[in-house]
Amino acid sequence: MREDTFLVVGIMVLVLAVPSFLSAIREGRAPRVPAILVMIGGTLVALAIMNRPGGYQIEDIFAAFQNVFTRLKLMLSA
């Protein structure tokens, strides 16, 4: 389950890096923060893939999101 959490958080960080990168490029700034976000997100995704035997298939990614959000919902409702 830890791998699922790494994967979900990593993907979410990578998604958050996109608007930050586009904003930096549009304003003519160096995309330092997006670069750091990509490194963090990429590392989390790589850790998840390396620690899960057999890696992830596309349907496993959707199941990982469902598992992580279900666990989060249960933690918040307790």
PDB file of N, CA and C in Angstrom:
ATOM      1  N   MET A   1       0.803  -1.197   0.000  1.00  0.00           N
ATOM      2  CA  MET A   1       0.000   0.000   0.000  1.00  0.00           C
ATOM      3  C   MET A   1       0.847   1.263   0.000  1.00  0.00           C
ATOM      4  N   ARG A   2       2.027   1.181   0.561  1.00  0.00           N
ATOM      5  CA  ARG A   2       2.903   2.353   0.576  1.00  0.00           C
ATOM      6  C   ARG A   2       3.257   2.767  -0.849  1.00  0.00           C
ATOM      7  N   GLU A   3       3.441   1.774  -1.727  1.00  0.00           N
ATOM      8  CA  GLU A   3       3.769   2.074  -3.116  1.00  0.00           C
ATOM      9  C   GLU A   3       2.633   2.818  -3.799  1.00  0.00           C
ATOM     10  N   ASP A   4       1.393   2.435  -3.480  1.00  0.00           N
ATOM     11  CA  ASP A   4       0.242   3.131  -4.061  1.00  0.00           C
ATOM     12  C   ASP A   4       0.232   4.603  -3.642  1.00  0.00           C
ATOM     13  N   THR A   5       0.548   4.846  -2.383  1.00  0.00           N
ATOM     14  CA  THR A   5       0.583   6.229  -1.894  1.00  0.00           C
ATOM     15  C   THR A   5       1.676   7.022  -2.589  1.00  0.00           C
ATOM     16  N   PHE A   6       2.859   6.427  -2.728  1.00  0.00           N
ATOM     17  CA  PHE A   6       3.947   7.097  -3.446  1.00  0.00           C
ATOM     18  C   PHE A   6       3.528   7.434  -4.869  1.00  0.00           C
ATOM     19  N   LEU A   7       2.889   6.480  -5.541  1.00  0.00           N
ATOM     20  CA  LEU A   7       2.478   6.695  -6.923  1.00  0.00           C
ATOM     21  C   LEU A   7       1.458   7.822  -7.031  1.00  0.00           C
ATOM     22  N   VAL A   8       0.445   7.796  -6.193  1.00  0.00           N
ATOM     23  CA  VAL A   8      -0.620   8.804  -6.269  1.00  0.00           C
ATOM     24  C   VAL A   8      -0.077  10.191  -5.949  1.00  0.00           C
ATOM     25  N   VAL A   9       0.698  10.315  -4.887  1.00  0.00           N
ATOM     26  CA  VAL A   9       1.260  11.619  -4.520  1.00  0.00           C
ATOM     27  C   VAL A   9       2.219  12.102  -5.609  1.00  0.00           C
ATOM     28  N   GLY A  10       3.027  11.194  -6.146  1.00  0.00           N
ATOM     29  CA  GLY A  10       3.958  11.571  -7.216  1.00  0.00           C
ATOM     30  C   GLY A  10       3.237  12.085  -8.447  1.00  0.00           C
ATOM     31  N   ILE A  11       2.188  11.402  -8.851  1.00  0.00           N
ATOM     32  CA  ILE A  11       1.427  11.843 -10.026  1.00  0.00           C
ATOM     33  C   ILE A  11       0.767  13.195  -9.764  1.00  0.00           C
ATOM     34  N   MET A  12       0.242  13.379  -8.559  1.00  0.00           N
ATOM     35  CA  MET A  12      -0.402  14.655  -8.237  1.00  0.00           C
ATOM     36  C   MET A  12       0.614  15.800  -8.231  1.00  0.00           C
ATOM     37  N   VAL A  13       1.811  15.555  -7.737  1.00  0.00           N
ATOM     38  CA  VAL A  13       2.860  16.584  -7.745  1.00  0.00           C
ATOM     39  C   VAL A  13       3.260  16.907  -9.181  1.00  0.00           C
ATOM     40  N   LEU A  14       3.374  15.880 -10.019  1.00  0.00           N
ATOM     41  CA  LEU A  14       3.715  16.123 -11.423  1.00  0.00           C
ATOM     42  C   LEU A  14       2.634  16.936 -12.126  1.00  0.00           C
ATOM     43  N   VAL A  15       1.383  16.663 -11.820  1.00  0.00           N
ATOM     44  CA  VAL A  15       0.282  17.423 -12.425  1.00  0.00           C
ATOM     45  C   VAL A  15       0.330  18.882 -11.963  1.00  0.00           C
ATOM     46  N   LEU A  16       0.651  19.099 -10.692  1.00  0.00           N
ATOM     47  CA  LEU A  16       0.738  20.466 -10.179  1.00  0.00           C
ATOM     48  C   LEU A  16       1.915  21.239 -10.770  1.00  0.00           C
ATOM     49  N   ALA A  17       2.913  20.538 -11.267  1.00  0.00           N
ATOM     50  CA  ALA A  17       4.071  21.201 -11.855  1.00  0.00           C
ATOM     51  C   ALA A  17       3.751  21.824 -13.212  1.00  0.00           C
ATOM     52  N   VAL A  18       2.769  21.300 -13.911  1.00  0.00           N
ATOM     53  CA  VAL A  18       2.462  21.772 -15.269  1.00  0.00           C
ATOM     54  C   VAL A  18       2.018  23.240 -15.292  1.00  0.00           C
ATOM     55  N   PRO A  19       1.013  23.655 -14.508  1.00  0.00           N
ATOM     56  CA  PRO A  19       0.628  25.073 -14.567  1.00  0.00           C
ATOM     57  C   PRO A  19       1.738  25.998 -14.079  1.00  0.00           C
ATOM     58  N   SER A  20       2.499  25.543 -13.098  1.00  0.00           N
ATOM     59  CA  SER A  20       3.607  26.349 -12.600  1.00  0.00           C
ATOM     60  C   SER A  20       4.668  26.531 -13.690  1.00  0.00           C
ATOM     61  N   PHE A  21       4.938  25.469 -14.423  1.00  0.00           N
ATOM     62  CA  PHE A  21       5.910  25.543 -15.519  1.00  0.00           C
ATOM     63  C   PHE A  21       5.414  26.491 -16.611  1.00  0.00           C
ATOM     64  N   LEU A  22       4.153  26.357 -16.996  1.00  0.00           N
ATOM     65  CA  LEU A  22       3.604  27.224 -18.044  1.00  0.00           C
ATOM     66  C   LEU A  22       3.604  28.684 -17.610  1.00  0.00           C
ATOM     67  N   SER A  23       3.289  28.945 -16.359  1.00  0.00           N
ATOM     68  CA  SER A  23       3.307  30.309 -15.839  1.00  0.00           C
ATOM     69  C   SER A  23       4.711  30.891 -15.863  1.00  0.00           C
ATOM     70  N   ALA A  24       5.692  30.111 -15.462  1.00  0.00           N
ATOM     71  CA  ALA A  24       7.076  30.594 -15.447  1.00  0.00           C
ATOM     72  C   ALA A  24       7.558  30.906 -16.861  1.00  0.00           C
ATOM     73  N   ILE A  25       7.238  30.051 -17.796  1.00  0.00           N
ATOM     74  CA  ILE A  25       7.660  30.262 -19.182  1.00  0.00           C
ATOM     75  C   ILE A  25       6.967  31.503 -19.759  1.00  0.00           C
ATOM     76  N   ARG A  26       5.670  31.642 -19.498  1.00  0.00           N
ATOM     77  CA  ARG A  26       4.929  32.780 -20.023  1.00  0.00           C
ATOM     78  C   ARG A  26       5.453  34.105 -19.480  1.00  0.00           C
ATOM     79  N   GLU A  27       5.854  34.118 -18.212  1.00  0.00           N
ATOM     80  CA  GLU A  27       6.344  35.341 -17.599  1.00  0.00           C
ATOM     81  C   GLU A  27       7.839  35.557 -17.797  1.00  0.00           C
ATOM     82  N   GLY A  28       8.502  34.643 -18.472  1.00  0.00           N
ATOM     83  CA  GLY A  28       9.922  34.793 -18.764  1.00  0.00           C
ATOM     84  C   GLY A  28      10.834  34.498 -17.580  1.00  0.00           C
ATOM     85  N   ARG A  29      10.318  33.763 -16.592  1.00  0.00           N
ATOM     86  CA  ARG A  29      11.132  33.403 -15.428  1.00  0.00           C
ATOM     87  C   ARG A  29      11.729  32.015 -15.635  1.00  0.00           C
ATOM     88  N   ALA A  30      12.785  31.730 -14.884  1.00  0.00           N
ATOM     89  CA  ALA A  30      13.350  30.385 -14.895  1.00  0.00           C
ATOM     90  C   ALA A  30      12.413  29.458 -14.116  1.00  0.00           C
ATOM     91  N   PRO A  31      12.097  28.318 -14.671  1.00  0.00           N
ATOM     92  CA  PRO A  31      11.148  27.413 -14.000  1.00  0.00           C
ATOM     93  C   PRO A  31      11.822  26.587 -12.898  1.00  0.00           C
ATOM     94  N   ARG A  32      12.257  27.254 -11.845  1.00  0.00           N
ATOM     95  CA  ARG A  32      12.962  26.549 -10.764  1.00  0.00           C
ATOM     96  C   ARG A  32      12.025  25.691  -9.929  1.00  0.00           C
ATOM     97  N   VAL A  33      10.933  26.267  -9.484  1.00  0.00           N
ATOM     98  CA  VAL A  33       9.984  25.519  -8.657  1.00  0.00           C
ATOM     99  C   VAL A  33       9.382  24.345  -9.439  1.00  0.00           C
ATOM    100  N   PRO A  34       8.964  24.549 -10.687  1.00  0.00           N
ATOM    101  CA  PRO A  34       8.453  23.393 -11.436  1.00  0.00           C
ATOM    102  C   PRO A  34       9.512  22.302 -11.612  1.00  0.00           C
ATOM    103  N   ALA A  35      10.758  22.691 -11.773  1.00  0.00           N
ATOM    104  CA  ALA A  35      11.814  21.692 -11.910  1.00  0.00           C
ATOM    105  C   ALA A  35      11.951  20.871 -10.634  1.00  0.00           C
ATOM    106  N   ILE A  36      11.853  21.530  -9.491  1.00  0.00           N
ATOM    107  CA  ILE A  36      11.926  20.818  -8.219  1.00  0.00           C
ATOM    108  C   ILE A  36      10.712  19.900  -8.051  1.00  0.00           C
ATOM    109  N   LEU A  37       9.529  20.396  -8.436  1.00  0.00           N
ATOM    110  CA  LEU A  37       8.330  19.573  -8.363  1.00  0.00           C
ATOM    111  C   LEU A  37       8.432  18.345  -9.254  1.00  0.00           C
ATOM    112  N   VAL A  38       8.986  18.499 -10.442  1.00  0.00           N
ATOM    113  CA  VAL A  38       9.157  17.362 -11.355  1.00  0.00           C
ATOM    114  C   VAL A  38      10.135  16.356 -10.764  1.00  0.00           C
ATOM    115  N   MET A  39      11.203  16.828 -10.138  1.00  0.00           N
ATOM    116  CA  MET A  39      12.155  15.906  -9.517  1.00  0.00           C
ATOM    117  C   MET A  39      11.508  15.141  -8.362  1.00  0.00           C
ATOM    118  N   ILE A  40      10.747  15.838  -7.530  1.00  0.00           N
ATOM    119  CA  ILE A  40      10.086  15.177  -6.397  1.00  0.00           C
ATOM    120  C   ILE A  40       9.044  14.178  -6.897  1.00  0.00           C
ATOM    121  N   GLY A  41       8.192  14.615  -7.810  1.00  0.00           N
ATOM    122  CA  GLY A  41       7.156  13.731  -8.342  1.00  0.00           C
ATOM    123  C   GLY A  41       7.733  12.544  -9.084  1.00  0.00           C
ATOM    124  N   GLY A  42       8.748  12.789  -9.884  1.00  0.00           N
ATOM    125  CA  GLY A  42       9.391  11.701 -10.617  1.00  0.00           C
ATOM    126  C   GLY A  42      10.043  10.694  -9.694  1.00  0.00           C
ATOM    127  N   THR A  43      10.655  11.189  -8.626  1.00  0.00           N
ATOM    128  CA  THR A  43      11.277  10.293  -7.655  1.00  0.00           C
ATOM    129  C   THR A  43      10.236   9.429  -6.957  1.00  0.00           C
ATOM    130  N   LEU A  44       9.121  10.029  -6.573  1.00  0.00           N
ATOM    131  CA  LEU A  44       8.053   9.259  -5.916  1.00  0.00           C
ATOM    132  C   LEU A  44       7.474   8.203  -6.848  1.00  0.00           C
ATOM    133  N   VAL A  45       7.254   8.556  -8.102  1.00  0.00           N
ATOM    134  CA  VAL A  45       6.732   7.582  -9.069  1.00  0.00           C
ATOM    135  C   VAL A  45       7.749   6.467  -9.299  1.00  0.00           C
ATOM    136  N   ALA A  46       9.021   6.826  -9.420  1.00  0.00           N
ATOM    137  CA  ALA A  46      10.060   5.815  -9.618  1.00  0.00           C
ATOM    138  C   ALA A  46      10.155   4.882  -8.410  1.00  0.00           C
ATOM    139  N   LEU A  47      10.074   5.433  -7.199  1.00  0.00           N
ATOM    140  CA  LEU A  47      10.094   4.597  -5.993  1.00  0.00           C
ATOM    141  C   LEU A  47       8.925   3.624  -5.988  1.00  0.00           C
ATOM    142  N   ALA A  48       7.758   4.100  -6.365  1.00  0.00           N
ATOM    143  CA  ALA A  48       6.578   3.238  -6.389  1.00  0.00           C
ATOM    144  C   ALA A  48       6.755   2.103  -7.387  1.00  0.00           C
ATOM    145  N   ILE A  49       7.262   2.424  -8.564  1.00  0.00           N
ATOM    146  CA  ILE A  49       7.423   1.412  -9.606  1.00  0.00           C
ATOM    147  C   ILE A  49       8.499   0.402  -9.216  1.00  0.00           C
ATOM    148  N   MET A  50       9.600   0.881  -8.639  1.00  0.00           N
ATOM    149  CA  MET A  50      10.695  -0.027  -8.274  1.00  0.00           C
ATOM    150  C   MET A  50      10.325  -0.923  -7.094  1.00  0.00           C
ATOM    151  N   ASN A  51       9.504  -0.448  -6.166  1.00  0.00           N
ATOM    152  CA  ASN A  51       9.177  -1.229  -4.979  1.00  0.00           C
ATOM    153  C   ASN A  51       8.000  -2.171  -5.161  1.00  0.00           C
ATOM    154  N   ARG A  52       7.249  -2.016  -6.235  1.00  0.00           N
ATOM    155  CA  ARG A  52       6.119  -2.918  -6.473  1.00  0.00           C
ATOM    156  C   ARG A  52       6.561  -4.033  -7.408  1.00  0.00           C
ATOM    157  N   PRO A  53       6.435  -5.268  -6.965  1.00  0.00           N
ATOM    158  CA  PRO A  53       6.820  -6.395  -7.831  1.00  0.00           C
ATOM    159  C   PRO A  53       5.969  -6.414  -9.102  1.00  0.00           C
ATOM    160  N   GLY A  54       6.615  -6.398 -10.242  1.00  0.00           N
ATOM    161  CA  GLY A  54       5.902  -6.415 -11.505  1.00  0.00           C
ATOM    162  C   GLY A  54       5.516  -5.045 -12.029  1.00  0.00           C
ATOM    163  N   GLY A  55       5.758  -4.001 -11.255  1.00  0.00           N
ATOM    164  CA  GLY A  55       5.449  -2.641 -11.694  1.00  0.00           C
ATOM    165  C   GLY A  55       3.953  -2.376 -11.726  1.00  0.00           C
ATOM    166  N   TYR A  56       3.562  -1.386 -12.502  1.00  0.00           N
ATOM    167  CA  TYR A  56       2.161  -0.965 -12.600  1.00  0.00           C
ATOM    168  C   TYR A  56       1.681  -1.076 -14.038  1.00  0.00           C
ATOM    169  N   GLN A  57       0.457  -1.524 -14.191  1.00  0.00           N
ATOM    170  CA  GLN A  57      -0.249  -1.460 -15.459  1.00  0.00           C
ATOM    171  C   GLN A  57      -1.219  -0.283 -15.357  1.00  0.00           C
ATOM    172  N   ILE A  58      -1.820   0.108 -16.474  1.00  0.00           N
ATOM    173  CA  ILE A  58      -2.730   1.251 -16.469  1.00  0.00           C
ATOM    174  C   ILE A  58      -3.883   1.041 -15.485  1.00  0.00           C
ATOM    175  N   GLU A  59      -4.479  -0.135 -15.494  1.00  0.00           N
ATOM    176  CA  GLU A  59      -5.604  -0.381 -14.585  1.00  0.00           C
ATOM    177  C   GLU A  59      -5.155  -0.381 -13.124  1.00  0.00           C
ATOM    178  N   ASP A  60      -3.888  -0.710 -12.872  1.00  0.00           N
ATOM    179  CA  ASP A  60      -3.362  -0.670 -11.504  1.00  0.00           C
ATOM    180  C   ASP A  60      -3.269   0.771 -10.993  1.00  0.00           C
ATOM    181  N   ILE A  61      -3.003   1.699 -11.894  1.00  0.00           N
ATOM    182  CA  ILE A  61      -2.892   3.108 -11.493  1.00  0.00           C
ATOM    183  C   ILE A  61      -4.255   3.621 -11.018  1.00  0.00           C
ATOM    184  N   PHE A  62      -5.305   3.287 -11.749  1.00  0.00           N
ATOM    185  CA  PHE A  62      -6.649   3.699 -11.334  1.00  0.00           C
ATOM    186  C   PHE A  62      -7.031   3.046 -10.009  1.00  0.00           C
ATOM    187  N   ALA A  63      -6.664   1.779  -9.846  1.00  0.00           N
ATOM    188  CA  ALA A  63      -6.947   1.084  -8.589  1.00  0.00           C
ATOM    189  C   ALA A  63      -6.155   1.706  -7.442  1.00  0.00           C
ATOM    190  N   ALA A  64      -4.936   2.155  -7.707  1.00  0.00           N
ATOM    191  CA  ALA A  64      -4.117   2.798  -6.677  1.00  0.00           C
ATOM    192  C   ALA A  64      -4.778   4.096  -6.219  1.00  0.00           C
ATOM    193  N   PHE A  65      -5.271   4.892  -7.165  1.00  0.00           N
ATOM    194  CA  PHE A  65      -5.975   6.123  -6.796  1.00  0.00           C
ATOM    195  C   PHE A  65      -7.197   5.800  -5.938  1.00  0.00           C
ATOM    196  N   GLN A  66      -7.946   4.795  -6.336  1.00  0.00           N
ATOM    197  CA  GLN A  66      -9.134   4.416  -5.591  1.00  0.00           C
ATOM    198  C   GLN A  66      -8.763   3.950  -4.187  1.00  0.00           C
ATOM    199  N   ASN A  67      -7.717   3.130  -4.066  1.00  0.00           N
ATOM    200  CA  ASN A  67      -7.298   2.639  -2.757  1.00  0.00           C
ATOM    201  C   ASN A  67      -6.838   3.770  -1.848  1.00  0.00           C
ATOM    202  N   VAL A  68      -6.037   4.669  -2.389  1.00  0.00           N
ATOM    203  CA  VAL A  68      -5.500   5.764  -1.575  1.00  0.00           C
ATOM    204  C   VAL A  68      -6.624   6.696  -1.122  1.00  0.00           C
ATOM    205  N   PHE A  69      -7.530   7.047  -2.016  1.00  0.00           N
ATOM    206  CA  PHE A  69      -8.613   7.948  -1.638  1.00  0.00           C
ATOM    207  C   PHE A  69      -9.611   7.272  -0.699  1.00  0.00           C
ATOM    208  N   THR A  70      -9.795   5.967  -0.836  1.00  0.00           N
ATOM    209  CA  THR A  70     -10.656   5.241   0.095  1.00  0.00           C
ATOM    210  C   THR A  70     -10.037   5.235   1.489  1.00  0.00           C
ATOM    211  N   ARG A  71      -8.726   4.971   1.579  1.00  0.00           N
ATOM    212  CA  ARG A  71      -8.052   4.999   2.882  1.00  0.00           C
ATOM    213  C   ARG A  71      -8.093   6.396   3.486  1.00  0.00           C
ATOM    214  N   LEU A  72      -7.923   7.423   2.657  1.00  0.00           N
ATOM    215  CA  LEU A  72      -7.976   8.799   3.152  1.00  0.00           C
ATOM    216  C   LEU A  72      -9.369   9.130   3.684  1.00  0.00           C
ATOM    217  N   LYS A  73     -10.388   8.678   2.951  1.00  0.00           N
ATOM    218  CA  LYS A  73     -11.765   8.913   3.383  1.00  0.00           C
ATOM    219  C   LYS A  73     -12.032   8.227   4.711  1.00  0.00           C
ATOM    220  N   LEU A  74     -11.549   6.997   4.868  1.00  0.00           N
ATOM    221  CA  LEU A  74     -11.747   6.279   6.125  1.00  0.00           C
ATOM    222  C   LEU A  74     -11.010   6.942   7.279  1.00  0.00           C
ATOM    223  N   MET A  75      -9.816   7.462   7.015  1.00  0.00           N
ATOM    224  CA  MET A  75      -9.057   8.143   8.061  1.00  0.00           C
ATOM    225  C   MET A  75      -9.748   9.434   8.481  1.00  0.00           C
ATOM    226  N   LEU A  76     -10.307  10.159   7.528  1.00  0.00           N
ATOM    227  CA  LEU A  76     -10.947  11.432   7.843  1.00  0.00           C
ATOM    228  C   LEU A  76     -12.301  11.239   8.545  1.00  0.00           C
ATOM    229  N   SER A  77     -12.971  10.124   8.281  1.00  0.00           N
ATOM    230  CA  SER A  77     -14.276   9.907   8.883  1.00  0.00           C
ATOM    231  C   SER A  77     -14.166   9.321  10.289  1.00  0.00           C
ATOM    232  N   ALA A  78     -12.998   8.829  10.638  1.00  0.00           N
ATOM    233  CA  ALA A  78     -12.833   8.216  11.987  1.00  0.00           C
ATOM    234  C   ALA A  78     -12.679   9.243  13.072  1.00  0.00           C
TER     235      ALA A  78
END
